[in-house]
Amino acid sequence: MDDEKVTVRVNICGTEYPIQAEEDAEYIQRIAAYVDERMREVPVSVTMQSLTSVAVLTAIRIADELHKEREKQQEHVVSESMQDERIADLVRRLDELLESPIPEQDNEKVDHDRSC
């Protein structure tokens, strides 16, 4: 986008909020709808309390989701890194094998059944 801020009006738990952002208005609406949905998932006993309490509990739940997703990503990166290390080790070993002199064969023990 061109760094121009837009104001998008969103509705979360029955309250309208003007959101200024550089992102696309449709994206902001989707994010707001997600927050609204998550806030409505807070147990009814908690909703009898203030909207602030519901918002804080929702923020904690969303932060938990984000944290778990980041941990999965980090585990994936570590796994890929380990695979890269294994590949590098195999390449190093292959290079060592290719650099090693080939042992001379005993002419009397040559296998005549070879196809190569």
PDB file of N, CA and C in Angstrom:
ATOM      1  N   MET A   1       0.843  -1.179   0.000  1.00  0.00           N
ATOM      2  CA  MET A   1       0.000   0.000   0.000  1.00  0.00           C
ATOM      3  C   MET A   1       0.884   1.237   0.000  1.00  0.00           C
ATOM      4  N   ASP A   2       0.322   2.417  -0.111  1.00  0.00           N
ATOM      5  CA  ASP A   2       1.117   3.630  -0.277  1.00  0.00           C
ATOM      6  C   ASP A   2       1.286   4.431   1.011  1.00  0.00           C
ATOM      7  N   ASP A   3       1.277   3.801   2.170  1.00  0.00           N
ATOM      8  CA  ASP A   3       1.480   4.421   3.483  1.00  0.00           C
ATOM      9  C   ASP A   3       0.433   5.480   3.828  1.00  0.00           C
ATOM     10  N   GLU A   4      -0.663   5.536   3.092  1.00  0.00           N
ATOM     11  CA  GLU A   4      -1.731   6.474   3.412  1.00  0.00           C
ATOM     12  C   GLU A   4      -2.663   5.814   4.414  1.00  0.00           C
ATOM     13  N   LYS A   5      -2.904   6.505   5.530  1.00  0.00           N
ATOM     14  CA  LYS A   5      -3.767   5.946   6.558  1.00  0.00           C
ATOM     15  C   LYS A   5      -5.228   6.125   6.180  1.00  0.00           C
ATOM     16  N   VAL A   6      -5.994   5.077   6.468  1.00  0.00           N
ATOM     17  CA  VAL A   6      -7.439   5.132   6.261  1.00  0.00           C
ATOM     18  C   VAL A   6      -8.108   4.929   7.608  1.00  0.00           C
ATOM     19  N   THR A   7      -9.304   5.453   7.751  1.00  0.00           N
ATOM     20  CA  THR A   7     -10.072   5.232   8.964  1.00  0.00           C
ATOM     21  C   THR A   7     -11.188   4.264   8.640  1.00  0.00           C
ATOM     22  N   VAL A   8     -11.236   3.182   9.404  1.00  0.00           N
ATOM     23  CA  VAL A   8     -12.235   2.144   9.208  1.00  0.00           C
ATOM     24  C   VAL A   8     -13.053   2.060  10.485  1.00  0.00           C
ATOM     25  N   ARG A   9     -14.359   2.042  10.345  1.00  0.00           N
ATOM     26  CA  ARG A   9     -15.229   1.917  11.512  1.00  0.00           C
ATOM     27  C   ARG A   9     -15.567   0.439  11.686  1.00  0.00           C
ATOM     28  N   VAL A  10     -15.244  -0.090  12.878  1.00  0.00           N
ATOM     29  CA  VAL A  10     -15.498  -1.503  13.168  1.00  0.00           C
ATOM     30  C   VAL A  10     -16.414  -1.612  14.375  1.00  0.00           C
ATOM     31  N   ASN A  11     -17.092  -2.742  14.474  1.00  0.00           N
ATOM     32  CA  ASN A  11     -17.987  -2.982  15.592  1.00  0.00           C
ATOM     33  C   ASN A  11     -17.488  -4.200  16.351  1.00  0.00           C
ATOM     34  N   ILE A  12     -17.180  -3.984  17.624  1.00  0.00           N
ATOM     35  CA  ILE A  12     -16.716  -5.071  18.480  1.00  0.00           C
ATOM     36  C   ILE A  12     -17.569  -5.075  19.736  1.00  0.00           C
ATOM     37  N   CYS A  13     -18.250  -6.176  19.967  1.00  0.00           N
ATOM     38  CA  CYS A  13     -19.138  -6.342  21.134  1.00  0.00           C
ATOM     39  C   CYS A  13     -20.142  -5.198  21.253  1.00  0.00           C
ATOM     40  N   GLY A  14     -20.696  -4.807  20.128  1.00  0.00           N
ATOM     41  CA  GLY A  14     -21.741  -3.797  20.136  1.00  0.00           C
ATOM     42  C   GLY A  14     -21.265  -2.367  20.214  1.00  0.00           C
ATOM     43  N   THR A  15     -19.973  -2.150  20.248  1.00  0.00           N
ATOM     44  CA  THR A  15     -19.431  -0.797  20.299  1.00  0.00           C
ATOM     45  C   THR A  15     -18.662  -0.524  19.006  1.00  0.00           C
ATOM     46  N   GLU A  16     -18.900   0.665  18.444  1.00  0.00           N
ATOM     47  CA  GLU A  16     -18.215   1.034  17.209  1.00  0.00           C
ATOM     48  C   GLU A  16     -16.925   1.777  17.535  1.00  0.00           C
ATOM     49  N   TYR A  17     -15.866   1.379  16.814  1.00  0.00           N
ATOM     50  CA  TYR A  17     -14.553   1.988  17.019  1.00  0.00           C
ATOM     51  C   TYR A  17     -13.997   2.460  15.676  1.00  0.00           C
ATOM     52  N   PRO A  18     -13.462   3.680  15.630  1.00  0.00           N
ATOM     53  CA  PRO A  18     -12.764   4.109  14.411  1.00  0.00           C
ATOM     54  C   PRO A  18     -11.305   3.643  14.500  1.00  0.00           C
ATOM     55  N   ILE A  19     -10.870   2.920  13.505  1.00  0.00           N
ATOM     56  CA  ILE A  19      -9.502   2.407  13.482  1.00  0.00           C
ATOM     57  C   ILE A  19      -8.752   3.078  12.345  1.00  0.00           C
ATOM     58  N   GLN A  20      -7.653   3.731  12.670  1.00  0.00           N
ATOM     59  CA  GLN A  20      -6.792   4.332  11.641  1.00  0.00           C
ATOM     60  C   GLN A  20      -5.652   3.378  11.370  1.00  0.00           C
ATOM     61  N   ALA A  21      -5.463   3.033  10.100  1.00  0.00           N
ATOM     62  CA  ALA A  21      -4.408   2.088   9.757  1.00  0.00           C
ATOM     63  C   ALA A  21      -3.962   2.292   8.324  1.00  0.00           C
ATOM     64  N   GLU A  22      -2.794   1.773   8.029  1.00  0.00           N
ATOM     65  CA  GLU A  22      -2.267   1.814   6.669  1.00  0.00           C
ATOM     66  C   GLU A  22      -2.727   0.596   5.873  1.00  0.00           C
ATOM     67  N   GLU A  23      -3.235  -0.421   6.558  1.00  0.00           N
ATOM     68  CA  GLU A  23      -3.690  -1.622   5.898  1.00  0.00           C
ATOM     69  C   GLU A  23      -5.017  -1.395   5.183  1.00  0.00           C
ATOM     70  N   ASP A  24      -5.350  -2.354   4.339  1.00  0.00           N
ATOM     71  CA  ASP A  24      -6.594  -2.335   3.590  1.00  0.00           C
ATOM     72  C   ASP A  24      -7.795  -2.393   4.546  1.00  0.00           C
ATOM     73  N   ALA A  25      -8.856  -1.667   4.221  1.00  0.00           N
ATOM     74  CA  ALA A  25     -10.046  -1.614   5.073  1.00  0.00           C
ATOM     75  C   ALA A  25     -10.646  -3.010   5.281  1.00  0.00           C
ATOM     76  N   GLU A  26     -10.651  -3.816   4.258  1.00  0.00           N
ATOM     77  CA  GLU A  26     -11.203  -5.179   4.362  1.00  0.00           C
ATOM     78  C   GLU A  26     -10.404  -6.010   5.370  1.00  0.00           C
ATOM     79  N   TYR A  27      -9.095  -5.842   5.357  1.00  0.00           N
ATOM     80  CA  TYR A  27      -8.229  -6.554   6.301  1.00  0.00           C
ATOM     81  C   TYR A  27      -8.566  -6.126   7.739  1.00  0.00           C
ATOM     82  N   ILE A  28      -8.699  -4.827   7.954  1.00  0.00           N
ATOM     83  CA  ILE A  28      -9.034  -4.316   9.286  1.00  0.00           C
ATOM     84  C   ILE A  28     -10.378  -4.873   9.746  1.00  0.00           C
ATOM     85  N   GLN A  29     -11.344  -4.941   8.849  1.00  0.00           N
ATOM     86  CA  GLN A  29     -12.660  -5.498   9.185  1.00  0.00           C
ATOM     87  C   GLN A  29     -12.534  -6.974   9.593  1.00  0.00           C
ATOM     88  N   ARG A  30     -11.701  -7.736   8.863  1.00  0.00           N
ATOM     89  CA  ARG A  30     -11.515  -9.159   9.206  1.00  0.00           C
ATOM     90  C   ARG A  30     -10.877  -9.309  10.582  1.00  0.00           C
ATOM     91  N   ILE A  31      -9.880  -8.477  10.870  1.00  0.00           N
ATOM     92  CA  ILE A  31      -9.221  -8.542  12.180  1.00  0.00           C
ATOM     93  C   ILE A  31     -10.209  -8.173  13.288  1.00  0.00           C
ATOM     94  N   ALA A  32     -10.985  -7.131  13.062  1.00  0.00           N
ATOM     95  CA  ALA A  32     -11.984  -6.711  14.060  1.00  0.00           C
ATOM     96  C   ALA A  32     -13.030  -7.809  14.266  1.00  0.00           C
ATOM     97  N   ALA A  33     -13.449  -8.446  13.193  1.00  0.00           N
ATOM     98  CA  ALA A  33     -14.428  -9.534  13.306  1.00  0.00           C
ATOM     99  C   ALA A  33     -13.848 -10.691  14.116  1.00  0.00           C
ATOM    100  N   TYR A  34     -12.558 -10.944  13.928  1.00  0.00           N
ATOM    101  CA  TYR A  34     -11.897 -12.000  14.696  1.00  0.00           C
ATOM    102  C   TYR A  34     -11.878 -11.645  16.183  1.00  0.00           C
ATOM    103  N   VAL A  35     -11.514 -10.408  16.492  1.00  0.00           N
ATOM    104  CA  VAL A  35     -11.488  -9.965  17.895  1.00  0.00           C
ATOM    105  C   VAL A  35     -12.892 -10.044  18.494  1.00  0.00           C
ATOM    106  N   ASP A  36     -13.888  -9.591  17.737  1.00  0.00           N
ATOM    107  CA  ASP A  36     -15.275  -9.640  18.203  1.00  0.00           C
ATOM    108  C   ASP A  36     -15.686 -11.079  18.504  1.00  0.00           C
ATOM    109  N   GLU A  37     -15.355 -11.977  17.591  1.00  0.00           N
ATOM    110  CA  GLU A  37     -15.691 -13.392  17.771  1.00  0.00           C
ATOM    111  C   GLU A  37     -15.022 -13.956  19.020  1.00  0.00           C
ATOM    112  N   ARG A  38     -13.738 -13.655  19.180  1.00  0.00           N
ATOM    113  CA  ARG A  38     -13.009 -14.168  20.342  1.00  0.00           C
ATOM    114  C   ARG A  38     -13.554 -13.589  21.643  1.00  0.00           C
ATOM    115  N   MET A  39     -13.956 -12.311  21.637  1.00  0.00           N
ATOM    116  CA  MET A  39     -14.506 -11.701  22.851  1.00  0.00           C
ATOM    117  C   MET A  39     -15.831 -12.350  23.218  1.00  0.00           C
ATOM    118  N   ARG A  40     -16.596 -12.727  22.219  1.00  0.00           N
ATOM    119  CA  ARG A  40     -17.899 -13.361  22.488  1.00  0.00           C
ATOM    120  C   ARG A  40     -17.745 -14.796  22.999  1.00  0.00           C
ATOM    121  N   GLU A  41     -16.548 -15.367  22.862  1.00  0.00           N
ATOM    122  CA  GLU A  41     -16.282 -16.717  23.365  1.00  0.00           C
ATOM    123  C   GLU A  41     -15.988 -16.731  24.866  1.00  0.00           C
ATOM    124  N   VAL A  42     -15.725 -15.572  25.439  1.00  0.00           N
ATOM    125  CA  VAL A  42     -15.430 -15.505  26.877  1.00  0.00           C
ATOM    126  C   VAL A  42     -16.680 -15.968  27.617  1.00  0.00           C
ATOM    127  N   PRO A  43     -16.520 -16.837  28.617  1.00  0.00           N
ATOM    128  CA  PRO A  43     -17.681 -17.385  29.334  1.00  0.00           C
ATOM    129  C   PRO A  43     -18.640 -16.309  29.844  1.00  0.00           C
ATOM    130  N   VAL A  44     -19.927 -16.654  29.847  1.00  0.00           N
ATOM    131  CA  VAL A  44     -20.982 -15.712  30.240  1.00  0.00           C
ATOM    132  C   VAL A  44     -20.740 -15.159  31.635  1.00  0.00           C
ATOM    133  N   SER A  45     -20.244 -15.955  32.552  1.00  0.00           N
ATOM    134  CA  SER A  45     -20.017 -15.468  33.914  1.00  0.00           C
ATOM    135  C   SER A  45     -19.030 -14.306  33.919  1.00  0.00           C
ATOM    136  N   VAL A  46     -18.089 -14.336  32.992  1.00  0.00           N
ATOM    137  CA  VAL A  46     -17.125 -13.254  32.918  1.00  0.00           C
ATOM    138  C   VAL A  46     -17.751 -12.036  32.246  1.00  0.00           C
ATOM    139  N   THR A  47     -18.655 -12.252  31.291  1.00  0.00           N
ATOM    140  CA  THR A  47     -19.248 -11.127  30.577  1.00  0.00           C
ATOM    141  C   THR A  47     -20.133 -10.289  31.482  1.00  0.00           C
ATOM    142  N   MET A  48     -20.502 -10.816  32.629  1.00  0.00           N
ATOM    143  CA  MET A  48     -21.275 -10.019  33.574  1.00  0.00           C
ATOM    144  C   MET A  48     -20.389  -8.933  34.169  1.00  0.00           C
ATOM    145  N   GLN A  49     -19.076  -9.099  34.030  1.00  0.00           N
ATOM    146  CA  GLN A  49     -18.146  -8.094  34.508  1.00  0.00           C
ATOM    147  C   GLN A  49     -17.997  -7.021  33.433  1.00  0.00           C
ATOM    148  N   SER A  50     -17.021  -6.197  33.546  1.00  0.00           N
ATOM    149  CA  SER A  50     -16.850  -5.082  32.624  1.00  0.00           C
ATOM    150  C   SER A  50     -16.329  -5.543  31.261  1.00  0.00           C
ATOM    151  N   LEU A  51     -16.583  -4.707  30.261  1.00  0.00           N
ATOM    152  CA  LEU A  51     -16.075  -4.957  28.922  1.00  0.00           C
ATOM    153  C   LEU A  51     -14.552  -4.973  28.939  1.00  0.00           C
ATOM    154  N   THR A  52     -13.962  -4.190  29.841  1.00  0.00           N
ATOM    155  CA  THR A  52     -12.506  -4.166  29.962  1.00  0.00           C
ATOM    156  C   THR A  52     -11.979  -5.536  30.369  1.00  0.00           C
ATOM    157  N   SER A  53     -12.643  -6.185  31.312  1.00  0.00           N
ATOM    158  CA  SER A  53     -12.222  -7.523  31.744  1.00  0.00           C
ATOM    159  C   SER A  53     -12.300  -8.515  30.595  1.00  0.00           C
ATOM    160  N   VAL A  54     -13.379  -8.432  29.824  1.00  0.00           N
ATOM    161  CA  VAL A  54     -13.548  -9.316  28.669  1.00  0.00           C
ATOM    162  C   VAL A  54     -12.440  -9.045  27.657  1.00  0.00           C
ATOM    163  N   ALA A  55     -12.147  -7.771  27.426  1.00  0.00           N
ATOM    164  CA  ALA A  55     -11.102  -7.413  26.461  1.00  0.00           C
ATOM    165  C   ALA A  55      -9.739  -7.926  26.903  1.00  0.00           C
ATOM    166  N   VAL A  56      -9.445  -7.810  28.198  1.00  0.00           N
ATOM    167  CA  VAL A  56      -8.152  -8.280  28.700  1.00  0.00           C
ATOM    168  C   VAL A  56      -8.042  -9.791  28.571  1.00  0.00           C
ATOM    169  N   LEU A  57      -9.087 -10.517  28.946  1.00  0.00           N
ATOM    170  CA  LEU A  57      -9.061 -11.978  28.805  1.00  0.00           C
ATOM    171  C   LEU A  57      -8.917 -12.382  27.337  1.00  0.00           C
ATOM    172  N   THR A  58      -9.595 -11.665  26.465  1.00  0.00           N
ATOM    173  CA  THR A  58      -9.488 -11.948  25.032  1.00  0.00           C
ATOM    174  C   THR A  58      -8.075 -11.672  24.541  1.00  0.00           C
ATOM    175  N   ALA A  59      -7.501 -10.561  24.975  1.00  0.00           N
ATOM    176  CA  ALA A  59      -6.127 -10.231  24.578  1.00  0.00           C
ATOM    177  C   ALA A  59      -5.156 -11.312  25.029  1.00  0.00           C
ATOM    178  N   ILE A  60      -5.366 -11.844  26.228  1.00  0.00           N
ATOM    179  CA  ILE A  60      -4.501 -12.915  26.728  1.00  0.00           C
ATOM    180  C   ILE A  60      -4.656 -14.165  25.866  1.00  0.00           C
ATOM    181  N   ARG A  61      -5.879 -14.502  25.499  1.00  0.00           N
ATOM    182  CA  ARG A  61      -6.107 -15.676  24.647  1.00  0.00           C
ATOM    183  C   ARG A  61      -5.454 -15.503  23.276  1.00  0.00           C
ATOM    184  N   ILE A  62      -5.605 -14.327  22.691  1.00  0.00           N
ATOM    185  CA  ILE A  62      -5.017 -14.072  21.375  1.00  0.00           C
ATOM    186  C   ILE A  62      -3.495 -14.062  21.475  1.00  0.00           C
ATOM    187  N   ALA A  63      -2.959 -13.487  22.542  1.00  0.00           N
ATOM    188  CA  ALA A  63      -1.506 -13.492  22.746  1.00  0.00           C
ATOM    189  C   ALA A  63      -1.002 -14.923  22.908  1.00  0.00           C
ATOM    190  N   ASP A  64      -1.768 -15.759  23.576  1.00  0.00           N
ATOM    191  CA  ASP A  64      -1.415 -17.166  23.731  1.00  0.00           C
ATOM    192  C   ASP A  64      -1.356 -17.852  22.364  1.00  0.00           C
ATOM    193  N   GLU A  65      -2.355 -17.600  21.528  1.00  0.00           N
ATOM    194  CA  GLU A  65      -2.358 -18.159  20.166  1.00  0.00           C
ATOM    195  C   GLU A  65      -1.111 -17.725  19.407  1.00  0.00           C
ATOM    196  N   LEU A  66      -0.827 -16.434  19.471  1.00  0.00           N
ATOM    197  CA  LEU A  66       0.325 -15.878  18.766  1.00  0.00           C
ATOM    198  C   LEU A  66       1.616 -16.521  19.278  1.00  0.00           C
ATOM    199  N   HIS A  67       1.747 -16.613  20.590  1.00  0.00           N
ATOM    200  CA  HIS A  67       2.959 -17.182  21.190  1.00  0.00           C
ATOM    201  C   HIS A  67       3.142 -18.638  20.753  1.00  0.00           C
ATOM    202  N   LYS A  68       2.083 -19.426  20.789  1.00  0.00           N
ATOM    203  CA  LYS A  68       2.166 -20.832  20.382  1.00  0.00           C
ATOM    204  C   LYS A  68       2.519 -20.951  18.901  1.00  0.00           C
ATOM    205  N   GLU A  69       1.944 -20.087  18.075  1.00  0.00           N
ATOM    206  CA  GLU A  69       2.246 -20.108  16.648  1.00  0.00           C
ATOM    207  C   GLU A  69       3.711 -19.750  16.407  1.00  0.00           C
ATOM    208  N   ARG A  70       4.219 -18.768  17.141  1.00  0.00           N
ATOM    209  CA  ARG A  70       5.629 -18.391  17.004  1.00  0.00           C
ATOM    210  C   ARG A  70       6.543 -19.534  17.447  1.00  0.00           C
ATOM    211  N   GLU A  71       6.150 -20.242  18.520  1.00  0.00           N
ATOM    212  CA  GLU A  71       6.943 -21.390  18.968  1.00  0.00           C
ATOM    213  C   GLU A  71       6.983 -22.464  17.884  1.00  0.00           C
ATOM    214  N   LYS A  72       5.834 -22.726  17.241  1.00  0.00           N
ATOM    215  CA  LYS A  72       5.797 -23.705  16.146  1.00  0.00           C
ATOM    216  C   LYS A  72       6.718 -23.288  15.021  1.00  0.00           C
ATOM    217  N   GLN A  73       6.673 -22.000  14.673  1.00  0.00           N
ATOM    218  CA  GLN A  73       7.543 -21.494  13.613  1.00  0.00           C
ATOM    219  C   GLN A  73       9.007 -21.669  14.000  1.00  0.00           C
ATOM    220  N   GLN A  74       9.335 -21.364  15.249  1.00  0.00           N
ATOM    221  CA  GLN A  74      10.724 -21.490  15.712  1.00  0.00           C
ATOM    222  C   GLN A  74      11.156 -22.946  15.669  1.00  0.00           C
ATOM    223  N   GLU A  75      10.277 -23.863  16.092  1.00  0.00           N
ATOM    224  CA  GLU A  75      10.600 -25.291  16.040  1.00  0.00           C
ATOM    225  C   GLU A  75      10.834 -25.717  14.596  1.00  0.00           C
ATOM    226  N   HIS A  76      10.050 -25.196  13.685  1.00  0.00           N
ATOM    227  CA  HIS A  76      10.201 -25.520  12.271  1.00  0.00           C
ATOM    228  C   HIS A  76      11.545 -25.016  11.752  1.00  0.00           C
ATOM    229  N   VAL A  77      11.915 -23.811  12.135  1.00  0.00           N
ATOM    230  CA  VAL A  77      13.197 -23.232  11.719  1.00  0.00           C
ATOM    231  C   VAL A  77      14.343 -24.075  12.273  1.00  0.00           C
ATOM    232  N   VAL A  78      14.247 -24.475  13.541  1.00  0.00           N
ATOM    233  CA  VAL A  78      15.288 -25.293  14.161  1.00  0.00           C
ATOM    234  C   VAL A  78      15.373 -26.637  13.446  1.00  0.00           C
ATOM    235  N   SER A  79      14.228 -27.223  13.140  1.00  0.00           N
ATOM    236  CA  SER A  79      14.204 -28.507  12.435  1.00  0.00           C
ATOM    237  C   SER A  79      14.865 -28.388  11.066  1.00  0.00           C
ATOM    238  N   GLU A  80      14.536 -27.322  10.339  1.00  0.00           N
ATOM    239  CA  GLU A  80      15.159 -27.099   9.035  1.00  0.00           C
ATOM    240  C   GLU A  80      16.665 -26.895   9.188  1.00  0.00           C
ATOM    241  N   SER A  81      17.064 -26.179  10.230  1.00  0.00           N
ATOM    242  CA  SER A  81      18.480 -25.932  10.471  1.00  0.00           C
ATOM    243  C   SER A  81      19.205 -27.244  10.744  1.00  0.00           C
ATOM    244  N   MET A  82      18.569 -28.123  11.524  1.00  0.00           N
ATOM    245  CA  MET A  82      19.175 -29.419  11.815  1.00  0.00           C
ATOM    246  C   MET A  82      19.296 -30.240  10.537  1.00  0.00           C
ATOM    247  N   GLN A  83      18.279 -30.188   9.687  1.00  0.00           N
ATOM    248  CA  GLN A  83      18.338 -30.900   8.414  1.00  0.00           C
ATOM    249  C   GLN A  83      19.463 -30.344   7.554  1.00  0.00           C
ATOM    250  N   ASP A  84      19.604 -29.022   7.535  1.00  0.00           N
ATOM    251  CA  ASP A  84      20.683 -28.399   6.774  1.00  0.00           C
ATOM    252  C   ASP A  84      22.042 -28.865   7.291  1.00  0.00           C
ATOM    253  N   GLU A  85      22.170 -28.965   8.618  1.00  0.00           N
ATOM    254  CA  GLU A  85      23.429 -29.429   9.206  1.00  0.00           C
ATOM    255  C   GLU A  85      23.708 -30.875   8.810  1.00  0.00           C
ATOM    256  N   ARG A  86      22.669 -31.712   8.811  1.00  0.00           N
ATOM    257  CA  ARG A  86      22.848 -33.116   8.415  1.00  0.00           C
ATOM    258  C   ARG A  86      23.267 -33.211   6.955  1.00  0.00           C
ATOM    259  N   ILE A  87      22.643 -32.416   6.110  1.00  0.00           N
ATOM    260  CA  ILE A  87      22.994 -32.413   4.687  1.00  0.00           C
ATOM    261  C   ILE A  87      24.430 -31.958   4.508  1.00  0.00           C
ATOM    262  N   ALA A  88      24.809 -30.896   5.210  1.00  0.00           N
ATOM    263  CA  ALA A  88      26.189 -30.398   5.118  1.00  0.00           C
ATOM    264  C   ALA A  88      27.168 -31.467   5.583  1.00  0.00           C
ATOM    265  N   ASP A  89      26.820 -32.199   6.645  1.00  0.00           N
ATOM    266  CA  ASP A  89      27.695 -33.260   7.142  1.00  0.00           C
ATOM    267  C   ASP A  89      27.817 -34.376   6.102  1.00  0.00           C
ATOM    268  N   LEU A  90      26.710 -34.750   5.484  1.00  0.00           N
ATOM    269  CA  LEU A  90      26.750 -35.783   4.448  1.00  0.00           C
ATOM    270  C   LEU A  90      27.587 -35.335   3.248  1.00  0.00           C
ATOM    271  N   VAL A  91      27.451 -34.087   2.845  1.00  0.00           N
ATOM    272  CA  VAL A  91      28.243 -33.557   1.735  1.00  0.00           C
ATOM    273  C   VAL A  91      29.724 -33.582   2.100  1.00  0.00           C
ATOM    274  N   ARG A  92      30.043 -33.183   3.331  1.00  0.00           N
ATOM    275  CA  ARG A  92      31.432 -33.202   3.783  1.00  0.00           C
ATOM    276  C   ARG A  92      31.984 -34.622   3.742  1.00  0.00           C
ATOM    277  N   ARG A  93      31.194 -35.585   4.219  1.00  0.00           N
ATOM    278  CA  ARG A  93      31.641 -36.982   4.215  1.00  0.00           C
ATOM    279  C   ARG A  93      31.823 -37.489   2.784  1.00  0.00           C
ATOM    280  N   LEU A  94      30.910 -37.129   1.911  1.00  0.00           N
ATOM    281  CA  LEU A  94      31.015 -37.531   0.508  1.00  0.00           C
ATOM    282  C   LEU A  94      32.274 -36.946  -0.120  1.00  0.00           C
ATOM    283  N   ASP A  95      32.538 -35.676   0.167  1.00  0.00           N
ATOM    284  CA  ASP A  95      33.756 -35.045  -0.334  1.00  0.00           C
ATOM    285  C   ASP A  95      34.996 -35.793   0.152  1.00  0.00           C
ATOM    286  N   GLU A  96      34.987 -36.174   1.436  1.00  0.00           N
ATOM    287  CA  GLU A  96      36.121 -36.917   1.987  1.00  0.00           C
ATOM    288  C   GLU A  96      36.295 -38.250   1.270  1.00  0.00           C
ATOM    289  N   LEU A  97      35.169 -38.918   1.001  1.00  0.00           N
ATOM    290  CA  LEU A  97      35.248 -40.195   0.286  1.00  0.00           C
ATOM    291  C   LEU A  97      35.789 -40.012  -1.126  1.00  0.00           C
ATOM    292  N   LEU A  98      35.339 -38.965  -1.779  1.00  0.00           N
ATOM    293  CA  LEU A  98      35.793 -38.720  -3.150  1.00  0.00           C
ATOM    294  C   LEU A  98      37.262 -38.333  -3.205  1.00  0.00           C
ATOM    295  N   GLU A  99      37.758 -37.712  -2.143  1.00  0.00           N
ATOM    296  CA  GLU A  99      39.158 -37.313  -2.097  1.00  0.00           C
ATOM    297  C   GLU A  99      40.069 -38.458  -1.676  1.00  0.00           C
ATOM    298  N   SER A 100      39.507 -39.494  -1.084  1.00  0.00           N
ATOM    299  CA  SER A 100      40.304 -40.640  -0.638  1.00  0.00           C
ATOM    300  C   SER A 100      40.786 -41.423  -1.853  1.00  0.00           C
ATOM    301  N   PRO A 101      42.027 -41.931  -1.775  1.00  0.00           N
ATOM    302  CA  PRO A 101      42.509 -42.755  -2.888  1.00  0.00           C
ATOM    303  C   PRO A 101      41.715 -44.051  -2.967  1.00  0.00           C
ATOM    304  N   ILE A 102      41.481 -44.486  -4.186  1.00  0.00           N
ATOM    305  CA  ILE A 102      40.745 -45.730  -4.400  1.00  0.00           C
ATOM    306  C   ILE A 102      41.724 -46.878  -4.221  1.00  0.00           C
ATOM    307  N   PRO A 103      41.382 -47.835  -3.368  1.00  0.00           N
ATOM    308  CA  PRO A 103      42.302 -48.956  -3.164  1.00  0.00           C
ATOM    309  C   PRO A 103      42.437 -49.767  -4.455  1.00  0.00           C
ATOM    310  N   GLU A 104      43.671 -50.211  -4.726  1.00  0.00           N
ATOM    311  CA  GLU A 104      43.903 -51.015  -5.926  1.00  0.00           C
ATOM    312  C   GLU A 104      43.331 -52.397  -5.717  1.00  0.00           C
ATOM    313  N   GLN A 105      42.780 -52.950  -6.788  1.00  0.00           N
ATOM    314  CA  GLN A 105      42.185 -54.273  -6.704  1.00  0.00           C
ATOM    315  C   GLN A 105      43.242 -55.330  -6.959  1.00  0.00           C
ATOM    316  N   ASP A 106      43.071 -56.434  -6.300  1.00  0.00           N
ATOM    317  CA  ASP A 106      43.942 -57.582  -6.534  1.00  0.00           C
ATOM    318  C   ASP A 106      43.476 -58.232  -7.826  1.00  0.00           C
ATOM    319  N   ASN A 107      44.312 -58.262  -8.840  1.00  0.00           N
ATOM    320  CA  ASN A 107      43.931 -58.781 -10.152  1.00  0.00           C
ATOM    321  C   ASN A 107      43.445 -60.215 -10.096  1.00  0.00           C
ATOM    322  N   GLU A 108      43.912 -60.989  -9.151  1.00  0.00           N
ATOM    323  CA  GLU A 108      43.500 -62.379  -9.054  1.00  0.00           C
ATOM    324  C   GLU A 108      42.092 -62.519  -8.490  1.00  0.00           C
ATOM    325  N   LYS A 109      41.604 -61.494  -7.753  1.00  0.00           N
ATOM    326  CA  LYS A 109      40.298 -61.573  -7.139  1.00  0.00           C
ATOM    327  C   LYS A 109      39.275 -60.706  -7.840  1.00  0.00           C
ATOM    328  N   VAL A 110      39.455 -60.385  -9.087  1.00  0.00           N
ATOM    329  CA  VAL A 110      38.542 -59.544  -9.815  1.00  0.00           C
ATOM    330  C   VAL A 110      37.247 -60.286 -10.018  1.00  0.00           C
ATOM    331  N   ASP A 111      36.170 -59.644  -9.737  1.00  0.00           N
ATOM    332  CA  ASP A 111      34.850 -60.246  -9.879  1.00  0.00           C
ATOM    333  C   ASP A 111      34.413 -60.100 -11.335  1.00  0.00           C
ATOM    334  N   HIS A 112      34.318 -61.233 -12.032  1.00  0.00           N
ATOM    335  CA  HIS A 112      33.970 -61.195 -13.438  1.00  0.00           C
ATOM    336  C   HIS A 112      32.488 -61.074 -13.678  1.00  0.00           C
ATOM    337  N   ASP A 113      31.677 -61.147 -12.649  1.00  0.00           N
ATOM    338  CA  ASP A 113      30.225 -61.065 -12.793  1.00  0.00           C
ATOM    339  C   ASP A 113      29.712 -59.640 -12.710  1.00  0.00           C
ATOM    340  N   ARG A 114      30.568 -58.686 -12.572  1.00  0.00           N
ATOM    341  CA  ARG A 114      30.138 -57.303 -12.467  1.00  0.00           C
ATOM    342  C   ARG A 114      29.525 -56.857 -13.783  1.00  0.00           C
ATOM    343  N   SER A 115      28.509 -56.033 -13.696  1.00  0.00           N
ATOM    344  CA  SER A 115      27.873 -55.534 -14.917  1.00  0.00           C
ATOM    345  C   SER A 115      28.472 -54.230 -15.379  1.00  0.00           C
ATOM    346  N   CYS A 116      29.346 -53.626 -14.624  1.00  0.00           N
ATOM    347  CA  CYS A 116      29.959 -52.348 -15.015  1.00  0.00           C
ATOM    348  C   CYS A 116      31.366 -52.560 -15.485  1.00  0.00           C
TER     349      CYS A 116
END
